[in-house]
Protein backbone atom coordinates (compact mmCIF):
# COMPACT_ATOMS: atom_id res chain seq x y z
CA UNK A 1 -50.57 82.59 1.93
CA UNK A 2 -51.24 79.51 4.05
CA UNK A 3 -48.78 76.62 4.46
CA UNK A 4 -50.37 74.54 1.68
CA UNK A 5 -50.12 77.48 -0.70
CA UNK A 6 -46.49 78.08 0.16
CA UNK A 7 -45.70 74.40 -0.43
CA UNK A 8 -47.50 74.44 -3.79
CA UNK A 9 -45.59 77.58 -4.86
CA UNK A 10 -42.32 75.98 -3.76
CA UNK A 11 -43.04 72.88 -5.81
CA UNK A 12 -44.01 75.00 -8.80
CA UNK A 13 -40.80 77.03 -8.58
CA UNK A 14 -38.73 73.83 -8.26
CA UNK A 15 -40.38 72.39 -11.36
CA UNK A 16 -39.98 75.66 -13.27
CA UNK A 17 -36.30 76.02 -12.44
CA UNK A 18 -35.47 72.40 -13.33
CA UNK A 19 -37.45 72.06 -16.54
CA UNK A 20 -35.29 71.41 -19.66
CA UNK A 21 -36.97 74.38 -21.37
CA UNK A 22 -36.39 78.11 -21.07
CA UNK A 23 -39.64 79.57 -19.72
CA UNK A 24 -40.90 83.14 -20.03
CA UNK A 25 -44.34 84.38 -18.88
CA UNK A 26 -45.52 87.35 -20.98
CA UNK A 27 -48.50 89.59 -20.23
CA UNK A 28 -51.07 90.84 -22.71
CA UNK A 29 -48.84 93.79 -23.64
CA UNK A 30 -45.90 91.55 -24.50
CA UNK A 31 -43.93 92.41 -21.35
CA UNK A 32 -41.90 89.75 -19.58
CA UNK A 33 -43.39 88.90 -16.19
CA UNK A 34 -41.45 85.83 -15.16
CA UNK A 35 -38.38 83.86 -16.38
CA UNK A 36 -36.61 80.79 -15.12
CA UNK A 37 -32.88 80.23 -14.61
CA UNK A 38 -32.50 78.16 -17.78
CA UNK A 39 -33.78 81.08 -19.89
CA UNK A 40 -31.26 83.42 -18.21
CA UNK A 41 -28.48 80.95 -19.03
CA UNK A 42 -29.64 80.38 -22.62
CA UNK A 43 -29.91 84.04 -23.61
CA UNK A 44 -27.23 85.49 -21.32
CA UNK A 45 -29.44 87.92 -19.38
CA UNK A 46 -30.10 88.22 -15.67
CA UNK A 47 -33.65 88.17 -14.34
CA UNK A 48 -33.39 91.85 -13.37
CA UNK A 49 -32.47 92.75 -16.98
CA UNK A 50 -35.51 90.94 -18.38
CA UNK A 51 -38.47 91.66 -16.09
CA UNK A 52 -40.67 94.35 -17.62
CA UNK A 53 -38.86 94.24 -20.97
CA UNK A 54 -40.61 93.41 -24.25
CA UNK A 55 -40.41 89.80 -25.41
CA UNK A 56 -38.99 91.25 -28.65
CA UNK A 57 -35.61 91.36 -26.90
CA UNK A 58 -35.24 87.68 -27.85
CA UNK A 59 -36.30 88.15 -31.48
CA UNK A 60 -33.77 89.03 -34.23
CA UNK A 61 -34.55 92.28 -36.05
CA UNK A 62 -35.52 90.57 -39.33
CA UNK A 63 -38.22 88.52 -37.56
CA UNK A 64 -39.83 91.37 -35.57
CA UNK A 65 -41.98 92.58 -38.45
CA UNK A 66 -45.45 91.20 -37.89
CA UNK A 67 -44.63 89.80 -34.46
CA UNK A 68 -47.08 92.13 -32.65
CA UNK A 69 -49.87 91.17 -35.06
CA UNK A 70 -49.12 87.49 -34.55
CA UNK A 71 -49.19 87.90 -30.75
CA UNK A 72 -52.52 89.75 -30.93
CA UNK A 73 -54.01 87.05 -33.15
CA UNK A 74 -52.98 84.48 -30.58
CA UNK A 75 -54.72 86.46 -27.83
CA UNK A 76 -57.83 86.95 -29.97
CA UNK A 77 -58.27 83.24 -30.80
CA UNK A 78 -61.48 82.25 -29.10
CA UNK A 79 -60.35 78.70 -28.27
CA UNK A 80 -57.03 79.91 -26.88
CA UNK A 81 -55.56 76.40 -27.04
CA UNK A 82 -51.84 75.84 -26.47
CA UNK A 83 -49.62 75.82 -29.54
CA UNK A 84 -47.33 72.81 -29.33
CA UNK A 85 -43.67 72.69 -30.23
CA UNK A 86 -43.09 72.90 -33.93
CA UNK A 87 -42.33 76.49 -34.90
CA UNK A 88 -38.64 76.66 -35.79
CA UNK A 89 -37.36 80.20 -35.17
CA UNK A 90 -34.14 81.97 -34.27
CA UNK A 91 -33.53 83.54 -30.87
CA UNK A 92 -31.25 86.53 -30.21
CA UNK A 93 -28.82 86.25 -27.33
CA UNK A 94 -27.45 89.21 -25.36
CA UNK A 95 -24.10 88.99 -27.18
CA UNK A 96 -25.85 89.29 -30.56
CA UNK A 97 -25.51 85.62 -31.45
CA UNK A 98 -28.49 83.98 -33.13
CA UNK A 99 -29.43 80.43 -32.15
CA UNK A 100 -32.07 78.11 -33.63
CA UNK A 101 -34.93 77.54 -31.23
CA UNK A 102 -38.24 75.75 -31.07
CA UNK A 103 -41.07 77.47 -29.17
CA UNK A 104 -44.42 76.43 -27.71
CA UNK A 105 -46.97 78.98 -26.54
CA UNK A 106 -49.65 78.28 -23.91
CA UNK A 107 -52.34 80.79 -22.73
CA UNK A 108 -52.59 81.25 -18.94
CA UNK A 109 -55.17 83.47 -17.18
CA UNK A 110 -53.78 85.23 -14.10
CA UNK A 111 -56.01 87.53 -12.04
CA UNK A 112 -58.33 87.89 -14.99
CA UNK A 113 -55.57 88.84 -17.43
CA UNK A 114 -54.60 86.51 -20.28
CA UNK A 115 -50.89 85.85 -20.28
CA UNK A 116 -48.79 83.57 -22.49
CA UNK A 117 -46.25 81.06 -21.24
CA UNK A 118 -43.47 80.58 -23.80
CA UNK A 119 -41.47 77.35 -23.54
CA UNK A 120 -38.27 77.69 -25.59
CA UNK A 121 -35.90 74.84 -26.54
CA UNK A 122 -32.39 75.29 -27.92
CA UNK A 123 -32.24 73.06 -31.04
CA UNK A 124 -28.71 73.94 -32.14
CA UNK A 125 -27.47 70.36 -31.84
CA UNK A 126 -30.52 69.01 -33.65
CA UNK A 127 -30.02 71.48 -36.50
CA UNK A 128 -26.36 70.52 -36.74
CA UNK A 129 -27.30 66.85 -36.83
CA UNK A 130 -29.94 67.55 -39.49
CA UNK A 131 -27.35 69.35 -41.60
CA UNK A 132 -24.90 66.45 -41.26
CA UNK A 133 -27.70 64.08 -42.21
CA UNK A 134 -28.69 66.25 -45.16
CA UNK A 135 -25.11 66.33 -46.44
CA UNK A 136 -24.80 62.57 -45.94
CA UNK A 137 -28.02 61.98 -47.86
CA UNK A 138 -26.80 64.27 -50.63
CA UNK A 139 -23.53 62.36 -50.89
CA UNK A 140 -25.39 59.04 -50.81
CA UNK A 141 -27.77 60.18 -53.55
CA UNK A 142 -24.83 61.37 -55.63
CA UNK A 143 -23.08 58.02 -55.16
CA UNK A 144 -26.25 56.08 -56.01
CA UNK A 145 -26.80 58.23 -59.08
CA UNK A 146 -23.21 57.76 -60.23
CA UNK A 147 -23.52 54.01 -59.71
CA UNK A 148 -26.88 53.93 -61.50
CA UNK A 149 -28.48 52.52 -58.37
CA UNK A 150 -31.94 52.77 -56.94
CA UNK A 151 -33.48 52.08 -53.54
CA UNK A 152 -36.90 50.81 -52.57
CA UNK A 153 -38.96 50.44 -49.41
CA UNK A 154 -41.96 48.10 -49.29
CA UNK A 155 -44.50 48.47 -46.48
CA UNK A 156 -45.85 44.91 -46.62
CA UNK A 157 -49.10 45.19 -44.54
CA UNK A 158 -50.25 48.26 -46.49
CA UNK A 159 -48.67 47.04 -49.74
CA UNK A 160 -47.18 50.49 -50.20
CA UNK A 161 -43.85 50.81 -52.00
CA UNK A 162 -41.55 53.78 -52.25
CA UNK A 163 -39.04 53.98 -55.11
CA UNK A 164 -36.14 56.37 -55.26
CA UNK A 165 -35.59 58.44 -58.40
CA UNK A 166 -32.78 56.02 -59.25
CA UNK A 167 -35.24 53.11 -59.32
CA UNK A 168 -37.39 54.87 -61.89
CA UNK A 169 -34.36 55.79 -63.98
CA UNK A 170 -33.15 52.19 -63.84
CA UNK A 171 -36.36 51.21 -65.61
CA UNK A 172 -36.08 54.08 -68.07
CA UNK A 173 -38.96 55.98 -66.43
CA UNK A 174 -39.26 59.51 -65.17
CA UNK A 175 -39.58 59.76 -61.37
CA UNK A 176 -43.25 59.30 -60.49
CA UNK A 177 -44.20 58.27 -64.03
CA UNK A 178 -45.99 55.20 -62.69
CA UNK A 179 -47.27 54.23 -59.27
CA UNK A 180 -44.63 52.60 -57.09
CA UNK A 181 -46.13 49.22 -56.22
CA UNK A 182 -44.74 45.72 -55.87
CA UNK A 183 -47.03 44.60 -58.68
CA UNK A 184 -45.72 47.28 -61.03
CA UNK A 185 -42.18 46.27 -60.29
CA UNK A 186 -42.83 42.55 -60.81
CA UNK A 187 -44.54 43.40 -64.11
CA UNK A 188 -41.25 44.91 -65.27
CA UNK A 189 -39.19 41.88 -64.26
CA UNK A 190 -38.36 39.74 -67.28
CA UNK A 191 -41.03 37.02 -67.63
CA UNK A 192 -38.39 34.28 -67.52
CA UNK A 193 -37.07 35.58 -64.18
CA UNK A 194 -40.30 36.39 -62.30
CA UNK A 195 -40.74 32.94 -60.81
CA UNK A 196 -37.15 32.89 -59.52
CA UNK A 197 -37.48 36.36 -57.97
CA UNK A 198 -40.74 35.46 -56.21
CA UNK A 199 -39.33 32.14 -55.03
CA UNK A 200 -36.27 33.87 -53.55
CA UNK A 201 -38.32 36.40 -51.60
CA UNK A 202 -40.76 33.73 -50.38
CA UNK A 203 -37.92 31.44 -49.28
CA UNK A 204 -36.35 34.23 -47.22
CA UNK A 205 -39.63 34.75 -45.39
CA UNK A 206 -40.07 31.00 -44.87
CA UNK A 207 -36.55 30.69 -43.44
CA UNK A 208 -37.33 33.44 -40.96
CA UNK A 209 -40.60 31.81 -39.91
CA UNK A 210 -38.72 28.55 -39.31
CA UNK A 211 -35.57 29.92 -37.63
CA UNK A 212 -36.72 33.30 -36.30
CA UNK A 213 -33.66 35.04 -37.70
CA UNK A 214 -33.69 38.06 -39.96
CA UNK A 215 -32.48 37.27 -43.43
CA UNK A 216 -31.33 39.00 -46.57
CA UNK A 217 -31.49 38.13 -50.22
CA UNK A 218 -29.13 38.92 -53.05
CA UNK A 219 -30.07 38.01 -56.59
CA UNK A 220 -29.53 39.08 -60.16
CA UNK A 221 -32.32 39.19 -62.69
CA UNK A 222 -33.41 40.99 -65.83
CA UNK A 223 -35.85 43.87 -66.10
CA UNK A 224 -37.69 45.32 -69.09
CA UNK A 225 -36.42 48.83 -69.81
CA UNK A 226 -38.79 51.47 -71.17
CA UNK A 227 -36.73 51.71 -74.36
CA UNK A 228 -37.40 48.04 -75.10
CA UNK A 229 -33.98 46.80 -74.02
CA UNK A 230 -33.33 44.22 -71.32
CA UNK A 231 -31.23 45.30 -68.37
CA UNK A 232 -29.60 43.24 -65.62
CA UNK A 233 -29.95 44.35 -62.00
CA UNK A 234 -28.36 43.18 -58.79
CA UNK A 235 -31.03 43.40 -56.08
CA UNK A 236 -30.11 43.20 -52.40
CA UNK A 237 -32.92 43.28 -49.89
CA UNK A 238 -33.49 42.99 -46.16
CA UNK A 239 -36.75 41.85 -44.60
CA UNK A 240 -37.76 43.61 -41.38
CA UNK A 241 -40.14 41.96 -38.96
CA UNK A 242 -42.59 43.33 -36.40
CA UNK A 243 -42.86 42.51 -32.72
CA UNK A 244 -44.99 39.44 -33.38
CA UNK A 245 -42.61 37.99 -35.96
CA UNK A 246 -44.55 39.03 -39.01
CA UNK A 247 -42.71 40.58 -41.96
CA UNK A 248 -43.66 44.26 -42.04
CA UNK A 249 -41.13 45.87 -44.38
CA UNK A 250 -38.61 45.09 -47.05
CA UNK A 251 -35.88 47.54 -47.95
CA UNK A 252 -33.28 47.19 -50.63
CA UNK A 253 -30.92 48.64 -53.17
CA UNK A 254 -30.60 47.81 -56.87
CA UNK A 255 -27.60 48.27 -59.12
CA UNK A 256 -27.62 48.26 -62.90
CA UNK A 257 -25.06 45.53 -63.71
CA UNK A 258 -25.84 45.15 -67.41
CA UNK A 259 -22.37 46.17 -68.54
CA UNK A 260 -20.80 43.98 -65.87
CA UNK A 261 -22.84 40.97 -67.01
CA UNK A 262 -21.95 41.63 -70.63
CA UNK A 263 -18.27 41.81 -69.68
CA UNK A 264 -18.63 38.56 -67.73
CA UNK A 265 -20.18 36.84 -70.72
CA UNK A 266 -17.46 38.13 -73.03
CA UNK A 267 -14.79 37.03 -70.58
CA UNK A 268 -16.36 33.58 -70.19
CA UNK A 269 -16.56 33.18 -73.96
CA UNK A 270 -12.95 34.29 -74.34
CA UNK A 271 -11.83 31.95 -71.56
CA UNK A 272 -13.67 29.08 -73.20
CA UNK A 273 -12.13 29.88 -76.57
CA UNK A 274 -8.70 30.26 -74.99
CA UNK A 275 -9.05 26.92 -73.20
CA UNK A 276 -10.09 25.24 -76.44
CA UNK A 277 -7.26 26.86 -78.38
CA UNK A 278 -4.75 26.00 -75.67
CA UNK A 279 -5.90 22.39 -75.61
CA UNK A 280 -5.58 22.19 -79.39
CA UNK A 281 -2.11 23.73 -79.29
CA UNK A 282 -1.00 21.34 -76.56
CA UNK A 283 -2.35 18.39 -78.50
CA UNK A 284 -0.73 19.67 -81.68
CA UNK A 285 2.64 20.13 -79.94
CA UNK A 286 2.43 16.65 -78.46
CA UNK A 287 1.41 14.98 -81.72
CA UNK A 288 3.93 16.97 -83.77
CA UNK A 289 6.73 16.22 -81.35
CA UNK A 290 5.78 12.57 -81.12
CA UNK A 291 5.38 12.13 -84.90
CA UNK A 292 8.68 13.89 -85.62
CA UNK A 293 10.56 11.40 -83.49
CA UNK A 294 10.40 8.56 -86.02
CA UNK A 295 11.71 10.36 -89.13
CA UNK A 296 14.27 12.16 -87.00
CA UNK A 297 15.53 8.88 -85.60
CA UNK A 298 15.85 7.59 -89.18
CA UNK A 299 17.80 10.69 -90.22
CA UNK A 300 20.01 10.54 -87.12
CA UNK A 301 20.65 6.84 -87.72
CA UNK A 302 21.68 7.40 -91.32
CA UNK A 303 23.96 10.28 -90.38
CA UNK A 304 25.57 8.16 -87.65
CA UNK A 305 26.20 5.35 -90.15
CA UNK A 306 27.85 7.83 -92.53
CA UNK A 307 29.99 9.18 -89.67
CA UNK A 308 31.20 5.74 -88.61
CA UNK A 309 31.85 4.54 -92.16
CA UNK A 310 33.30 7.59 -93.90
CA UNK A 311 34.68 10.01 -91.29
CA UNK A 312 38.44 10.30 -91.86
CA UNK A 313 38.23 8.70 -95.28
CA UNK A 314 37.08 11.78 -97.13
CA UNK A 315 38.48 15.28 -97.17
CA UNK A 316 38.39 17.69 -94.20
CA UNK A 317 35.34 19.54 -95.48
CA UNK A 318 33.37 16.28 -95.66
CA UNK A 319 34.32 15.45 -92.07
CA UNK A 320 33.05 18.90 -90.93
CA UNK A 321 29.74 18.39 -92.72
CA UNK A 322 29.28 14.94 -91.16
CA UNK A 323 30.05 16.35 -87.67
CA UNK A 324 27.58 19.23 -88.11
CA UNK A 325 24.90 16.82 -89.34
CA UNK A 326 25.33 14.54 -86.32
CA UNK A 327 25.28 17.49 -83.88
CA UNK A 328 22.23 18.98 -85.60
CA UNK A 329 20.31 15.71 -85.46
CA UNK A 330 21.20 15.27 -81.79
CA UNK A 331 20.19 18.85 -80.98
CA UNK A 332 16.91 18.40 -82.83
CA UNK A 333 16.19 15.23 -80.87
CA UNK A 334 16.82 17.09 -77.60
CA UNK A 335 14.56 19.96 -78.66
CA UNK A 336 11.75 17.59 -79.64
CA UNK A 337 12.10 15.63 -76.41
CA UNK A 338 11.95 18.82 -74.35
CA UNK A 339 9.02 20.16 -76.36
CA UNK A 340 7.26 16.84 -75.82
CA UNK A 341 7.86 17.13 -72.08
CA UNK A 342 6.57 20.71 -72.08
CA UNK A 343 3.42 19.81 -74.04
CA UNK A 344 2.59 16.94 -71.67
CA UNK A 345 2.09 19.44 -68.82
CA UNK A 346 -1.59 20.31 -68.98
CA UNK A 347 -2.53 17.78 -71.66
CA UNK A 348 -1.46 14.47 -70.13
CA UNK A 349 -1.39 15.23 -66.44
CA UNK A 350 -1.69 12.69 -63.67
CA UNK A 351 -4.13 13.31 -60.79
CA UNK A 352 -2.66 14.90 -57.69
CA UNK A 353 -1.84 12.59 -54.81
CA UNK A 354 0.05 12.76 -51.48
CA UNK A 355 3.72 12.88 -52.49
CA UNK A 356 6.74 12.58 -50.20
CA UNK A 357 9.23 15.25 -51.31
CA UNK A 358 12.14 13.40 -49.65
CA UNK A 359 11.42 10.42 -51.90
CA UNK A 360 11.26 12.75 -54.90
CA UNK A 361 14.68 14.26 -54.08
CA UNK A 362 16.15 10.75 -53.66
CA UNK A 363 14.91 9.84 -57.16
CA UNK A 364 16.24 13.09 -58.64
CA UNK A 365 19.70 12.61 -57.10
CA UNK A 366 19.82 9.07 -58.49
CA UNK A 367 18.91 10.39 -61.94
CA UNK A 368 21.66 13.01 -61.74
CA UNK A 369 24.26 10.75 -60.11
CA UNK A 370 26.78 10.96 -62.96
CA UNK A 371 26.62 14.76 -63.32
CA UNK A 372 26.84 15.25 -59.54
CA UNK A 373 29.83 12.88 -59.25
CA UNK A 374 31.72 14.42 -62.17
CA UNK A 375 31.21 17.98 -60.87
CA UNK A 376 31.94 17.08 -57.25
CA UNK A 377 28.67 18.80 -56.23
CA UNK A 378 27.34 18.52 -52.67
CA UNK A 379 23.53 18.46 -52.46
CA UNK A 380 21.80 18.86 -49.08
CA UNK A 381 18.16 19.29 -48.21
CA UNK A 382 15.84 20.05 -45.29
CA UNK A 383 13.32 17.71 -43.74
CA UNK A 384 10.93 17.97 -46.67
CA UNK A 385 7.15 17.60 -46.28
CA UNK A 386 4.57 15.44 -47.98
CA UNK A 387 2.45 17.54 -50.33
CA UNK A 388 -0.43 16.87 -52.71
CA UNK A 389 1.03 16.95 -56.21
CA UNK A 390 1.71 15.15 -59.46
CA UNK A 391 4.78 13.01 -58.58
CA UNK A 392 6.13 12.88 -62.14
CA UNK A 393 5.98 16.63 -62.56
CA UNK A 394 7.54 17.16 -59.14
CA UNK A 395 10.53 15.07 -60.29
CA UNK A 396 10.78 17.26 -63.42
CA UNK A 397 10.72 20.41 -61.30
CA UNK A 398 13.45 19.46 -58.82
CA UNK A 399 15.57 17.73 -61.45
CA UNK A 400 15.61 20.78 -63.75
CA UNK A 401 16.52 23.15 -60.91
CA UNK A 402 19.25 20.94 -59.40
CA UNK A 403 20.75 20.05 -62.82
CA UNK A 404 20.88 23.78 -63.65
CA UNK A 405 22.70 24.41 -60.37
CA UNK A 406 25.25 21.74 -61.33
CA UNK A 407 25.56 22.99 -64.92
CA UNK A 408 25.95 26.71 -64.20
CA UNK A 409 28.67 26.28 -61.58
CA UNK A 410 31.65 28.51 -61.07
CA UNK A 411 35.20 27.66 -60.09
CA UNK A 412 34.18 26.45 -56.63
CA UNK A 413 32.76 23.08 -55.70
CA UNK A 414 29.00 23.30 -56.37
CA UNK A 415 27.06 23.57 -53.09
CA UNK A 416 23.32 23.06 -53.58
CA UNK A 417 20.68 23.16 -50.84
CA UNK A 418 16.95 22.43 -51.08
CA UNK A 419 15.04 24.20 -48.30
CA UNK A 420 11.40 24.66 -47.32
CA UNK A 421 9.37 26.81 -44.92
CA UNK A 422 5.66 27.02 -44.23
CA UNK A 423 4.13 30.49 -44.61
CA UNK A 424 0.41 30.86 -43.97
CA UNK A 425 -1.29 28.50 -46.46
CA UNK A 426 1.79 27.81 -48.60
CA UNK A 427 4.94 25.72 -48.65
CA UNK A 428 7.80 27.91 -49.86
CA UNK A 429 10.60 25.80 -51.38
CA UNK A 430 14.06 27.10 -52.24
CA UNK A 431 16.87 25.67 -54.38
CA UNK A 432 20.05 27.62 -53.58
CA UNK A 433 23.46 27.31 -55.23
CA UNK A 434 26.84 29.07 -55.29
CA UNK A 435 27.12 29.20 -59.08
CA UNK A 436 27.75 31.92 -61.63
CA UNK A 437 24.51 33.80 -60.89
CA UNK A 438 22.12 35.72 -63.15
CA UNK A 439 21.87 39.38 -64.07
CA UNK A 440 18.65 40.90 -62.57
CA UNK A 441 17.32 42.09 -65.95
CA UNK A 442 17.15 38.44 -67.07
CA UNK A 443 14.93 37.30 -64.16
CA UNK A 444 11.72 37.30 -66.22
CA UNK A 445 13.25 36.12 -69.48
CA UNK A 446 14.71 32.87 -68.12
CA UNK A 447 11.23 31.40 -67.55
CA UNK A 448 10.25 31.76 -71.21
CA UNK A 449 10.46 28.82 -73.59
CA UNK A 450 13.70 28.41 -75.59
CA UNK A 451 15.36 31.39 -73.88
CA UNK A 452 19.13 31.00 -73.44
CA UNK A 453 21.58 33.38 -71.73
CA UNK A 454 24.77 31.64 -72.79
CA UNK A 455 26.30 30.23 -75.94
CA UNK A 456 25.50 26.60 -76.67
CA UNK A 457 29.17 25.55 -76.69
CA UNK A 458 29.61 27.06 -73.19
CA UNK A 459 26.51 25.57 -71.56
CA UNK A 460 24.55 22.96 -73.55
CA UNK A 461 20.76 22.74 -73.39
CA UNK A 462 17.60 23.80 -75.19
CA UNK A 463 16.49 26.63 -72.88
CA UNK A 464 13.18 25.01 -71.99
CA UNK A 465 13.91 23.62 -68.50
CA UNK A 466 12.83 26.68 -66.48
CA UNK A 467 9.73 27.13 -68.68
CA UNK A 468 8.76 23.58 -67.67
CA UNK A 469 9.38 24.46 -64.01
CA UNK A 470 7.12 27.51 -64.25
CA UNK A 471 4.35 25.54 -65.90
CA UNK A 472 4.54 22.74 -63.32
CA UNK A 473 4.42 25.18 -60.40
CA UNK A 474 1.49 27.15 -61.85
CA UNK A 475 -0.43 23.97 -62.58
CA UNK A 476 -0.20 23.21 -58.84
CA UNK A 477 -1.50 26.68 -57.94
CA UNK A 478 1.87 28.15 -56.95
CA UNK A 479 4.34 30.86 -57.98
CA UNK A 480 8.02 30.74 -58.97
CA UNK A 481 10.65 33.48 -58.93
CA UNK A 482 14.40 33.93 -58.64
CA UNK A 483 16.89 35.98 -56.65
CA UNK A 484 20.50 36.16 -57.80
CA UNK A 485 23.66 38.20 -58.04
CA UNK A 486 26.33 37.48 -60.65
CA UNK A 487 29.25 35.63 -59.08
CA UNK A 488 27.40 34.93 -55.82
CA UNK A 489 24.98 32.17 -56.73
CA UNK A 490 21.26 31.87 -57.38
CA UNK A 491 18.19 30.96 -55.33
CA UNK A 492 14.99 29.78 -56.97
CA UNK A 493 11.78 30.10 -54.93
CA UNK A 494 8.53 28.31 -55.65
CA UNK A 495 5.35 27.73 -53.67
CA UNK A 496 2.83 24.93 -53.31
CA UNK A 497 -0.51 25.40 -51.47
CA UNK A 498 -0.79 23.40 -48.25
CA UNK A 499 -4.41 22.61 -49.13
CA UNK A 500 -4.84 22.52 -52.92
CA UNK A 501 -8.36 23.00 -54.23
CA UNK A 502 -10.33 19.97 -55.20
CA UNK A 503 -10.66 21.23 -58.79
CA UNK A 504 -6.89 21.15 -59.21
CA UNK A 505 -6.50 17.75 -57.56
CA UNK A 506 -8.74 16.05 -60.12
CA UNK A 507 -7.26 17.72 -63.21
């Protein structure tokens, strides 16, 4: 062989040994004539073990039936064109392990004899990936079916749409019952919603054409079910664009949200009815409390006149009756006044405004000056912030909490501290005292209206103060809770948002 021939053979061998395929040259009798190093590595044989052996050495026993006939048919084909990759088979390794392979066969004539060059690729990783994908698709289809969801894919240039089985079922149709087209889908959209659906899709495309950014749409609309009912769907779609900026595909997923919409409508109706009922109750409580004031004042006045004129002049029993009548009238006045204060929260609110909490505390301490002086209480407070709130209700809140701390004191001098910290988007206020404390199982009860933990002769009051505090805090979008241990004092916590929503500020 001349120098050019040797160089060509060298190049051929280099290419053969470095190809990513296992190569085997087989003669007309099915005997192996040539193999490359990759084939030796893939099947675990040496070249010496393979040369002259039948190609069947690589074929599992169950696939060998008919292999000779297939090989002869390949040789007998008059066109003798190469067979490209595409036949998925299993190869048998020396250790008995079977591996998935893909094989391509090409006829080669050598010295007048027709041989076959087999190029074999190990597709183990591809098969594993396909199995993972298959399992993922199965799980996805199961999830979509459970969620009563359907998917769709619209090839815009060819106007060809593919619907999943779930899309047909969502319309009450059997899979494939009608042709999957955009027109057929739009025909099943409720007539009152078709214009809105089309406008949404068109606007997404227009936004892309103007901004050159891919866009999505998310809308809810009604569809006509095959059983004659109307169903609600949530449709989320993504427009895909080609290299020249033209929309080429739309893909999406649809969920049947009929039950969710029905629940929303029921909830909205209930909320509206509850708001109306609550407003009526608040107005009734306010009017009733206000209208009861006048006759009660008349009764209290008459009883007071009787007490001043006749107490001590009648018998002991008469004096007891007069005393009970005066105390009852006074207690009723206090209850009505507190109920009136409670009913004003939510029915006669002032708009929120920037409110200096230091100024509020100064007002509260002035209002409670007598009680604080008589008890010897010491009230301290942090550098308090300015918050957006209803000033009048803020006075009610602090005054109720501080007056409770003074009232429910122990044997020690009452020490009361108002603190505040900022946590994320909230102001967290505290009112801490060293009073008698509260049993933990009463923590929820104390915020209910007219709930008392002590006898009236021990600690006077109507039991509505903390209910007012809770209502004030919740109206401002906050929370209120308590921590306490009997004999070791009580700390009330309540929060105010640092940036209240506009809807609350204008209430």
